[in-house]
Amino acid sequence: MKAVIETGGKQYYVEEGTVLYVEKLDAGEGKTINFDKILMVGGKSGMPYVDGAKVEGKVLKHGKAKKITVFKYRPKKKYRRTQGHRQPYTKVEITKVSA
């Protein structure tokens, strides 16, 4: 069964066995996590969320994405700033989708 879930301000189209990289979640590795904001399950959508639907996932690991460079400057003012950023993420495997 397929579903659309919302987590970290983004929407993901998932089914059992799907592996996702989502915004960092407060759950330890190997723990089970329940997604409560479900927008669609098996073609049936809700307003705004589907009542009684469950999507469960297992946290595989936490990590940081590749570094990006943030560069700011103002022309003709000798203002330059360079900064790096690595976005934290959580790798989740969807284990169960039920309506």
N, C-alpha and C. Protein backbone atom coordinates (compact mmCIF):
# COMPACT_ATOMS: atom_id res chain seq x y z
N MET A 1 0.85 -1.18 0.00
CA MET A 1 0.00 0.00 0.00
C MET A 1 0.89 1.24 0.00
N LYS A 2 0.48 2.25 -0.73
CA LYS A 2 1.26 3.47 -0.86
C LYS A 2 0.64 4.59 -0.03
N ALA A 3 1.48 5.53 0.38
CA ALA A 3 1.00 6.63 1.21
C ALA A 3 1.85 7.87 0.96
N VAL A 4 1.30 9.02 1.33
CA VAL A 4 2.04 10.28 1.32
C VAL A 4 2.10 10.76 2.76
N ILE A 5 3.33 10.96 3.27
CA ILE A 5 3.50 11.42 4.64
C ILE A 5 4.15 12.79 4.63
N GLU A 6 4.00 13.50 5.74
CA GLU A 6 4.62 14.81 5.90
C GLU A 6 5.51 14.77 7.14
N THR A 7 6.77 15.15 6.96
CA THR A 7 7.69 15.25 8.08
C THR A 7 8.77 16.27 7.73
N GLY A 8 9.13 17.08 8.68
CA GLY A 8 10.16 18.09 8.47
C GLY A 8 9.76 19.15 7.47
N GLY A 9 8.44 19.39 7.30
CA GLY A 9 7.98 20.40 6.36
C GLY A 9 7.99 19.96 4.91
N LYS A 10 8.24 18.67 4.67
CA LYS A 10 8.28 18.13 3.31
C LYS A 10 7.35 16.93 3.22
N GLN A 11 6.93 16.60 1.99
CA GLN A 11 6.04 15.47 1.76
C GLN A 11 6.81 14.38 1.03
N TYR A 12 6.55 13.12 1.41
CA TYR A 12 7.24 11.97 0.82
C TYR A 12 6.21 10.93 0.40
N TYR A 13 6.40 10.37 -0.80
CA TYR A 13 5.56 9.31 -1.34
C TYR A 13 6.24 7.99 -0.98
N VAL A 14 5.61 7.17 -0.13
CA VAL A 14 6.28 5.99 0.42
C VAL A 14 5.42 4.74 0.25
N GLU A 15 6.09 3.61 0.36
CA GLU A 15 5.45 2.31 0.49
C GLU A 15 6.38 1.45 1.33
N GLU A 16 5.96 0.23 1.68
CA GLU A 16 6.78 -0.61 2.53
C GLU A 16 8.11 -0.92 1.83
N GLY A 17 9.20 -0.77 2.58
CA GLY A 17 10.53 -1.02 2.05
C GLY A 17 11.23 0.22 1.53
N THR A 18 10.55 1.36 1.47
CA THR A 18 11.16 2.60 0.99
C THR A 18 12.18 3.12 2.01
N VAL A 19 13.33 3.57 1.53
CA VAL A 19 14.35 4.17 2.39
C VAL A 19 14.39 5.66 2.10
N LEU A 20 14.24 6.49 3.14
CA LEU A 20 14.17 7.94 3.02
C LEU A 20 15.29 8.61 3.79
N TYR A 21 15.69 9.77 3.30
CA TYR A 21 16.57 10.67 4.05
C TYR A 21 15.71 11.88 4.41
N VAL A 22 15.36 12.02 5.70
CA VAL A 22 14.48 13.10 6.15
C VAL A 22 15.25 14.02 7.08
N GLU A 23 14.62 15.16 7.42
CA GLU A 23 15.22 16.07 8.40
C GLU A 23 15.43 15.31 9.70
N LYS A 24 16.43 15.70 10.47
CA LYS A 24 16.81 14.96 11.67
C LYS A 24 15.65 14.79 12.63
N LEU A 25 15.46 13.54 13.10
CA LEU A 25 14.39 13.20 14.05
C LEU A 25 15.02 12.83 15.39
N ASP A 26 14.27 13.06 16.46
CA ASP A 26 14.75 12.74 17.80
C ASP A 26 14.39 11.30 18.16
N ALA A 27 15.10 10.35 17.55
CA ALA A 27 14.92 8.94 17.85
C ALA A 27 16.26 8.25 17.64
N GLY A 28 16.58 7.32 18.52
CA GLY A 28 17.86 6.63 18.41
C GLY A 28 17.88 5.63 17.27
N GLU A 29 19.08 5.22 16.88
CA GLU A 29 19.22 4.25 15.81
C GLU A 29 18.61 2.92 16.23
N GLY A 30 17.88 2.30 15.31
CA GLY A 30 17.22 1.03 15.59
C GLY A 30 15.84 1.17 16.20
N LYS A 31 15.43 2.38 16.56
CA LYS A 31 14.12 2.62 17.16
C LYS A 31 13.04 2.69 16.08
N THR A 32 11.81 2.42 16.48
CA THR A 32 10.65 2.53 15.59
C THR A 32 10.02 3.91 15.77
N ILE A 33 9.61 4.51 14.67
CA ILE A 33 9.00 5.83 14.70
C ILE A 33 7.68 5.78 13.95
N ASN A 34 6.68 6.47 14.48
CA ASN A 34 5.36 6.54 13.84
C ASN A 34 5.18 7.93 13.24
N PHE A 35 4.75 7.95 11.97
CA PHE A 35 4.44 9.21 11.30
C PHE A 35 2.95 9.45 11.45
N ASP A 36 2.57 10.59 12.03
CA ASP A 36 1.16 10.85 12.30
C ASP A 36 0.51 11.78 11.28
N LYS A 37 1.30 12.48 10.49
CA LYS A 37 0.74 13.38 9.48
C LYS A 37 0.72 12.65 8.13
N ILE A 38 -0.39 11.99 7.85
CA ILE A 38 -0.53 11.19 6.64
C ILE A 38 -1.56 11.87 5.74
N LEU A 39 -1.14 12.24 4.55
CA LEU A 39 -1.99 12.99 3.63
C LEU A 39 -2.81 12.09 2.72
N MET A 40 -2.29 10.88 2.40
CA MET A 40 -2.99 9.97 1.51
C MET A 40 -2.56 8.53 1.81
N VAL A 41 -3.53 7.62 1.76
CA VAL A 41 -3.23 6.20 1.91
C VAL A 41 -4.04 5.45 0.87
N GLY A 42 -3.35 4.72 0.00
CA GLY A 42 -4.02 3.88 -0.99
C GLY A 42 -4.99 4.63 -1.89
N GLY A 43 -4.71 5.87 -2.23
CA GLY A 43 -5.57 6.64 -3.12
C GLY A 43 -6.65 7.44 -2.40
N LYS A 44 -6.82 7.24 -1.10
CA LYS A 44 -7.82 7.98 -0.34
C LYS A 44 -7.13 9.11 0.41
N SER A 45 -7.55 10.32 0.16
CA SER A 45 -6.93 11.46 0.82
C SER A 45 -7.86 12.03 1.88
N GLY A 46 -7.30 12.81 2.79
CA GLY A 46 -8.08 13.42 3.86
C GLY A 46 -7.97 14.93 3.80
N MET A 47 -8.71 15.58 4.66
CA MET A 47 -8.70 17.04 4.72
C MET A 47 -8.31 17.50 6.11
N PRO A 48 -7.14 17.90 6.44
CA PRO A 48 -5.92 17.77 5.65
C PRO A 48 -5.24 16.43 5.82
N TYR A 49 -5.53 15.70 6.92
CA TYR A 49 -4.87 14.42 7.16
C TYR A 49 -5.89 13.30 7.22
N VAL A 50 -5.43 12.07 6.92
CA VAL A 50 -6.28 10.88 6.95
C VAL A 50 -6.38 10.39 8.39
N ASP A 51 -7.61 10.17 8.85
CA ASP A 51 -7.82 9.67 10.20
C ASP A 51 -7.66 8.16 10.24
N GLY A 52 -7.01 7.66 11.29
CA GLY A 52 -6.88 6.22 11.50
C GLY A 52 -5.79 5.54 10.69
N ALA A 53 -5.04 6.27 9.91
CA ALA A 53 -3.96 5.67 9.11
C ALA A 53 -2.66 5.68 9.90
N LYS A 54 -1.82 4.67 9.65
CA LYS A 54 -0.54 4.57 10.36
C LYS A 54 0.57 4.26 9.36
N VAL A 55 1.68 4.92 9.55
CA VAL A 55 2.90 4.61 8.82
C VAL A 55 4.01 4.49 9.85
N GLU A 56 4.66 3.33 9.85
CA GLU A 56 5.74 3.08 10.80
C GLU A 56 7.06 2.95 10.05
N GLY A 57 8.12 3.43 10.68
CA GLY A 57 9.44 3.34 10.08
C GLY A 57 10.48 2.99 11.12
N LYS A 58 11.62 2.53 10.64
CA LYS A 58 12.72 2.17 11.52
C LYS A 58 13.89 3.09 11.21
N VAL A 59 14.47 3.70 12.24
CA VAL A 59 15.60 4.60 12.07
C VAL A 59 16.85 3.76 11.82
N LEU A 60 17.47 3.96 10.66
CA LEU A 60 18.67 3.21 10.31
C LEU A 60 19.94 3.91 10.78
N LYS A 61 20.02 5.23 10.56
CA LYS A 61 21.20 5.96 11.02
C LYS A 61 20.95 7.45 10.99
N HIS A 62 21.82 8.19 11.66
CA HIS A 62 21.84 9.64 11.62
C HIS A 62 23.15 10.06 10.95
N GLY A 63 23.14 11.20 10.31
CA GLY A 63 24.36 11.66 9.67
C GLY A 63 24.25 13.11 9.24
N LYS A 64 25.26 13.54 8.48
CA LYS A 64 25.27 14.89 7.94
C LYS A 64 25.51 14.80 6.44
N ALA A 65 24.85 15.67 5.68
CA ALA A 65 25.00 15.70 4.24
C ALA A 65 26.36 16.31 3.86
N LYS A 66 26.67 16.30 2.58
CA LYS A 66 27.91 16.90 2.12
C LYS A 66 27.92 18.40 2.41
N LYS A 67 29.12 18.93 2.59
CA LYS A 67 29.26 20.34 2.93
C LYS A 67 28.95 21.22 1.72
N ILE A 68 28.20 22.28 1.97
CA ILE A 68 27.97 23.29 0.95
C ILE A 68 28.65 24.58 1.41
N THR A 69 29.01 25.42 0.46
CA THR A 69 29.65 26.69 0.77
C THR A 69 28.66 27.82 0.60
N VAL A 70 28.54 28.64 1.63
CA VAL A 70 27.67 29.81 1.59
C VAL A 70 28.58 31.03 1.48
N PHE A 71 28.43 31.79 0.41
CA PHE A 71 29.30 32.94 0.16
C PHE A 71 28.43 34.18 -0.01
N LYS A 72 28.69 35.19 0.83
CA LYS A 72 27.95 36.44 0.77
C LYS A 72 28.93 37.56 0.45
N TYR A 73 28.49 38.52 -0.34
CA TYR A 73 29.32 39.68 -0.60
C TYR A 73 28.46 40.87 -1.01
N ARG A 74 29.04 42.05 -0.85
CA ARG A 74 28.41 43.29 -1.28
C ARG A 74 29.34 43.93 -2.31
N PRO A 75 28.85 44.18 -3.49
CA PRO A 75 29.73 44.74 -4.50
C PRO A 75 30.23 46.14 -4.11
N LYS A 76 31.49 46.37 -4.40
CA LYS A 76 32.16 47.67 -4.21
C LYS A 76 32.31 48.09 -2.75
N LYS A 77 32.10 47.18 -1.80
CA LYS A 77 32.17 47.53 -0.37
C LYS A 77 33.22 46.72 0.40
N LYS A 78 33.96 45.86 -0.26
CA LYS A 78 34.96 45.00 0.37
C LYS A 78 34.35 44.13 1.48
N TYR A 79 33.13 43.66 1.26
CA TYR A 79 32.47 42.79 2.24
C TYR A 79 32.36 41.39 1.63
N ARG A 80 33.03 40.42 2.25
CA ARG A 80 32.96 39.04 1.79
C ARG A 80 32.93 38.12 3.02
N ARG A 81 32.03 37.14 3.01
CA ARG A 81 31.92 36.18 4.09
C ARG A 81 31.75 34.79 3.48
N THR A 82 32.55 33.85 3.91
CA THR A 82 32.45 32.47 3.46
C THR A 82 32.11 31.61 4.66
N GLN A 83 31.15 30.74 4.49
CA GLN A 83 30.71 29.88 5.57
C GLN A 83 30.33 28.53 5.00
N GLY A 84 30.58 27.46 5.74
CA GLY A 84 30.20 26.12 5.32
C GLY A 84 29.00 25.64 6.13
N HIS A 85 28.26 24.67 5.56
CA HIS A 85 27.10 24.13 6.25
C HIS A 85 26.91 22.67 5.87
N ARG A 86 26.63 21.84 6.88
CA ARG A 86 26.29 20.43 6.65
C ARG A 86 24.95 20.17 7.32
N GLN A 87 23.95 19.81 6.52
CA GLN A 87 22.60 19.59 7.02
C GLN A 87 22.48 18.21 7.67
N PRO A 88 22.02 18.12 8.91
CA PRO A 88 21.83 16.82 9.54
C PRO A 88 20.60 16.11 8.97
N TYR A 89 20.67 14.78 8.90
CA TYR A 89 19.56 13.99 8.36
C TYR A 89 19.39 12.71 9.16
N THR A 90 18.26 12.04 8.95
CA THR A 90 17.98 10.74 9.51
C THR A 90 17.58 9.82 8.37
N LYS A 91 18.20 8.64 8.32
CA LYS A 91 17.86 7.65 7.30
C LYS A 91 16.81 6.72 7.90
N VAL A 92 15.63 6.64 7.24
CA VAL A 92 14.51 5.87 7.76
C VAL A 92 14.04 4.86 6.72
N GLU A 93 13.75 3.64 7.16
CA GLU A 93 13.15 2.62 6.30
C GLU A 93 11.70 2.43 6.72
N ILE A 94 10.77 2.53 5.77
CA ILE A 94 9.35 2.35 6.06
C ILE A 94 9.07 0.86 6.20
N THR A 95 8.50 0.47 7.34
CA THR A 95 8.25 -0.95 7.61
C THR A 95 6.79 -1.34 7.48
N LYS A 96 5.86 -0.40 7.73
CA LYS A 96 4.45 -0.78 7.72
C LYS A 96 3.59 0.41 7.33
N VAL A 97 2.65 0.16 6.40
CA VAL A 97 1.66 1.18 6.00
C VAL A 97 0.30 0.54 6.17
N SER A 98 -0.56 1.16 6.98
CA SER A 98 -1.90 0.60 7.19
C SER A 98 -2.92 1.74 7.17
N ALA A 99 -4.12 1.42 6.69
CA ALA A 99 -5.17 2.44 6.56
C ALA A 99 -6.10 2.44 7.74
